[in-house]
Amino acid sequence: MTTTGPAPQRKMRADARRNYERLLAEAATVFTEHGVEASLEEIARRAGVANGTLYSHFPTRQALLEALLRDRMRTLSNTARDLLDHPSAGEALIIWARAAMVHTMVYRGLATSLMRSIEDETSQLHAACQAVLAAGEQLLNRAQAAGTVRGDATASDLYALINAVAWAGEQTSPAQGERLLSFGIDGMRPATDS
């Protein structure tokens, strides 16, 4: 997984930059192994820095997650924008929902963190989650205009569905998550008269 450097407004000394990059690399490893609720102290230990160094770069778990996920969430938003040109509005929404589910399953427990962050304006993940939600909403609106998704479905519904199936997939298997996402997307289709 690629990581980004520090926020552009923050200049760092070379040693601080190395610590920052080591912390991100170790966080990615530890979160992959143990989920997003893993010990931050373990991340600092593996990076070879003091806990205070970790907290000076990342004052909260959410700040660390935001730094780790920044590129991935930006890519997910860009993918949604790119899919606005897809010839099938319904297929574009499905492609993006699958990509969002895979993104959400990158670390065990991430779905829960993302769902908390969407409403929590104090979370460092809030802005990134809102950007992803807005990008998905454009695809949803296009699919609704094409008549492939029911009109009462909201972007919040889609976001919750994706996070729910990602959570279920991490409890069982990615294949189960994929099946559940297909069922959920099918449930968003307009009712047909029989």
Protein backbone atom coordinates (compact mmCIF):
# COMPACT_ATOMS: atom_id res chain seq x y z
CA MET A 1 0.00 0.00 0.00
CA THR A 2 1.34 3.42 -0.83
CA THR A 3 1.32 6.04 1.83
CA THR A 4 1.38 9.77 1.59
CA GLY A 5 3.75 12.10 3.26
CA PRO A 6 2.73 14.59 5.88
CA ALA A 7 0.18 17.27 5.18
CA PRO A 8 1.63 19.82 2.72
CA GLN A 9 1.63 22.68 5.24
CA ARG A 10 3.84 20.74 7.63
CA LYS A 11 7.60 20.84 6.96
CA MET A 12 9.60 18.13 8.70
CA ARG A 13 13.20 17.51 9.44
CA ALA A 14 14.64 14.46 7.71
CA ASP A 15 14.62 12.37 10.91
CA ALA A 16 11.01 13.35 11.66
CA ARG A 17 10.01 12.42 8.11
CA ARG A 18 11.68 9.01 8.47
CA ASN A 19 9.83 8.44 11.75
CA TYR A 20 6.55 9.48 10.12
CA GLU A 21 7.08 7.08 7.20
CA ARG A 22 8.16 4.22 9.50
CA LEU A 23 5.10 4.77 11.68
CA LEU A 24 2.80 4.63 8.65
CA ALA A 25 4.48 1.48 7.32
CA GLU A 26 4.28 -0.27 10.68
CA ALA A 27 0.69 0.88 11.23
CA ALA A 28 -0.29 -0.65 7.88
CA THR A 29 1.34 -3.93 8.92
CA VAL A 30 -0.10 -3.99 12.43
CA PHE A 31 -3.60 -3.00 11.28
CA THR A 32 -3.45 -5.70 8.59
CA GLU A 33 -2.45 -8.29 11.18
CA HIS A 34 -4.68 -7.20 14.07
CA GLY A 35 -7.29 -4.74 12.81
CA VAL A 36 -7.74 -1.03 13.43
CA GLU A 37 -8.11 -1.44 17.18
CA ALA A 38 -4.56 -2.82 17.46
CA SER A 39 -2.18 -1.35 20.00
CA LEU A 40 -0.72 2.01 19.01
CA GLU A 41 2.14 1.30 21.39
CA GLU A 42 2.93 -1.84 19.34
CA ILE A 43 3.09 0.32 16.22
CA ALA A 44 5.53 2.71 17.91
CA ARG A 45 7.63 -0.19 19.20
CA ARG A 46 7.86 -1.81 15.76
CA ALA A 47 8.75 1.54 14.19
CA GLY A 48 11.53 1.93 16.74
CA VAL A 49 10.21 5.18 18.18
CA ALA A 50 8.83 6.33 21.50
CA ASN A 51 5.09 6.52 22.07
CA GLY A 52 5.43 10.31 22.29
CA THR A 53 6.82 10.38 18.75
CA LEU A 54 3.82 8.46 17.48
CA TYR A 55 1.41 10.81 19.25
CA SER A 56 3.27 13.91 18.05
CA HIS A 57 2.64 12.80 14.46
CA PHE A 58 -0.75 11.18 15.04
CA PRO A 59 -2.53 12.50 18.13
CA THR A 60 -5.41 10.02 17.71
CA ARG A 61 -6.07 6.64 16.15
CA GLN A 62 -8.37 8.40 13.67
CA ALA A 63 -5.52 10.72 12.61
CA LEU A 64 -3.32 7.70 11.95
CA LEU A 65 -6.08 5.99 9.97
CA GLU A 66 -6.71 9.16 7.96
CA ALA A 67 -3.03 9.34 7.01
CA LEU A 68 -2.98 5.66 6.07
CA LEU A 69 -6.20 5.85 4.06
CA ARG A 70 -5.79 9.30 2.48
CA ASP A 71 -4.59 8.03 -0.91
CA ARG A 72 -7.02 5.11 -0.97
CA MET A 73 -10.00 7.33 -0.19
CA ARG A 74 -8.93 9.91 -2.77
CA THR A 75 -8.62 7.09 -5.33
CA LEU A 76 -12.08 5.84 -4.41
CA SER A 77 -13.55 9.32 -4.94
CA ASN A 78 -11.68 9.68 -8.25
CA THR A 79 -12.93 6.27 -9.37
CA ALA A 80 -16.50 7.43 -8.79
CA ARG A 81 -15.89 10.54 -10.88
CA ASP A 82 -14.31 8.46 -13.66
CA LEU A 83 -17.29 6.09 -13.63
CA LEU A 84 -19.67 8.97 -14.35
CA ASP A 85 -18.63 8.43 -17.99
CA HIS A 86 -19.41 4.69 -17.93
CA PRO A 87 -22.06 3.83 -20.54
CA SER A 88 -24.22 2.00 -17.97
CA ALA A 89 -25.20 4.03 -14.91
CA GLY A 90 -26.29 0.90 -13.03
CA GLU A 91 -23.10 -1.00 -13.81
CA ALA A 92 -20.99 2.03 -12.84
CA LEU A 93 -22.67 2.10 -9.43
CA ILE A 94 -22.03 -1.63 -8.92
CA ILE A 95 -18.37 -1.32 -9.93
CA TRP A 96 -17.87 1.54 -7.52
CA ALA A 97 -19.74 -0.16 -4.68
CA ARG A 98 -17.48 -3.20 -5.05
CA ALA A 99 -14.38 -1.00 -5.02
CA ALA A 100 -15.69 0.76 -1.91
CA MET A 101 -16.35 -2.58 -0.21
CA VAL A 102 -12.81 -3.80 -0.97
CA HIS A 103 -11.42 -0.51 0.36
CA THR A 104 -13.46 -0.87 3.55
CA MET A 105 -12.20 -4.41 4.10
CA VAL A 106 -8.50 -3.44 3.95
CA TYR A 107 -8.27 -3.59 7.77
CA ARG A 108 -10.52 -5.55 10.11
CA GLY A 109 -12.71 -3.11 12.01
CA LEU A 110 -12.38 -0.32 9.47
CA ALA A 111 -16.07 -0.48 8.50
CA THR A 112 -17.04 0.40 12.05
CA SER A 113 -14.55 3.28 12.19
CA LEU A 114 -15.80 4.67 8.89
CA MET A 115 -19.45 4.51 9.93
CA ARG A 116 -18.62 6.36 13.16
CA SER A 117 -16.62 8.97 11.27
CA ILE A 118 -19.29 9.82 8.71
CA GLU A 119 -21.39 11.55 11.39
CA ASP A 120 -18.61 12.67 13.75
CA GLU A 121 -17.41 16.05 12.52
CA THR A 122 -14.54 15.94 15.05
CA SER A 123 -13.08 12.78 13.50
CA GLN A 124 -10.04 13.21 11.28
CA LEU A 125 -11.72 10.72 8.90
CA HIS A 126 -14.92 12.78 8.63
CA ALA A 127 -13.92 14.93 5.66
CA ALA A 128 -12.56 11.98 3.69
CA CYS A 129 -15.70 9.93 4.43
CA GLN A 130 -17.90 12.84 3.36
CA ALA A 131 -15.93 13.14 0.09
CA VAL A 132 -16.41 9.42 -0.62
CA LEU A 133 -20.10 9.70 0.24
CA ALA A 134 -20.51 12.67 -2.14
CA ALA A 135 -18.69 10.83 -4.94
CA GLY A 136 -20.92 7.77 -4.50
CA GLU A 137 -23.98 10.01 -4.41
CA GLN A 138 -23.21 11.26 -7.92
CA LEU A 139 -23.19 7.69 -9.20
CA LEU A 140 -26.36 6.89 -7.27
CA ASN A 141 -28.15 9.95 -8.69
CA ARG A 142 -27.11 8.97 -12.21
CA ALA A 143 -28.37 5.40 -11.69
CA GLN A 144 -31.65 6.74 -10.32
CA ALA A 145 -32.05 9.05 -13.32
CA ALA A 146 -31.48 6.02 -15.58
CA GLY A 147 -34.17 4.09 -13.69
CA THR A 148 -31.82 1.34 -12.48
CA VAL A 149 -32.02 2.28 -8.79
CA ARG A 150 -35.15 3.10 -6.83
CA GLY A 151 -35.75 6.78 -6.25
CA ASP A 152 -35.95 6.63 -2.46
CA ALA A 153 -32.42 5.21 -2.03
CA THR A 154 -30.01 7.72 -0.53
CA ALA A 155 -26.24 8.04 -0.53
CA SER A 156 -26.34 7.31 3.21
CA ASP A 157 -28.21 4.08 2.45
CA LEU A 158 -25.54 3.09 -0.06
CA TYR A 159 -22.69 3.98 2.33
CA ALA A 160 -24.33 2.00 5.14
CA LEU A 161 -24.90 -0.97 2.83
CA ILE A 162 -21.28 -0.99 1.71
CA ASN A 163 -20.00 -0.77 5.27
CA ALA A 164 -22.42 -3.44 6.49
CA VAL A 165 -21.40 -5.95 3.83
CA ALA A 166 -17.72 -5.13 4.40
CA TRP A 167 -18.21 -5.80 8.11
CA ALA A 168 -20.01 -9.07 7.33
CA GLY A 169 -17.29 -10.01 4.84
CA GLU A 170 -14.57 -9.52 7.42
CA GLN A 171 -16.51 -11.74 9.86
CA THR A 172 -16.94 -14.50 7.28
CA SER A 173 -15.12 -14.13 3.96
CA PRO A 174 -14.69 -11.57 1.18
CA ALA A 175 -16.74 -13.87 -1.07
CA GLN A 176 -19.64 -13.69 1.40
CA GLY A 177 -19.31 -9.90 1.43
CA GLU A 178 -19.48 -9.89 -2.36
CA ARG A 179 -22.66 -12.03 -2.31
CA LEU A 180 -24.28 -9.78 0.27
CA LEU A 181 -23.38 -6.68 -1.73
CA SER A 182 -25.06 -8.20 -4.79
CA PHE A 183 -28.19 -8.92 -2.73
CA GLY A 184 -28.15 -5.37 -1.35
CA ILE A 185 -27.72 -3.77 -4.77
CA ASP A 186 -30.54 -5.97 -6.11
CA GLY A 187 -32.72 -4.64 -3.29
CA MET A 188 -32.06 -1.10 -4.48
CA ARG A 189 -33.51 -1.80 -7.92
CA PRO A 190 -36.97 -0.41 -8.66
CA ALA A 191 -39.85 -2.78 -8.01
CA THR A 192 -41.31 -4.31 -11.13
CA ASP A 193 -44.98 -5.09 -11.54
CA SER A 194 -45.59 -8.79 -11.86
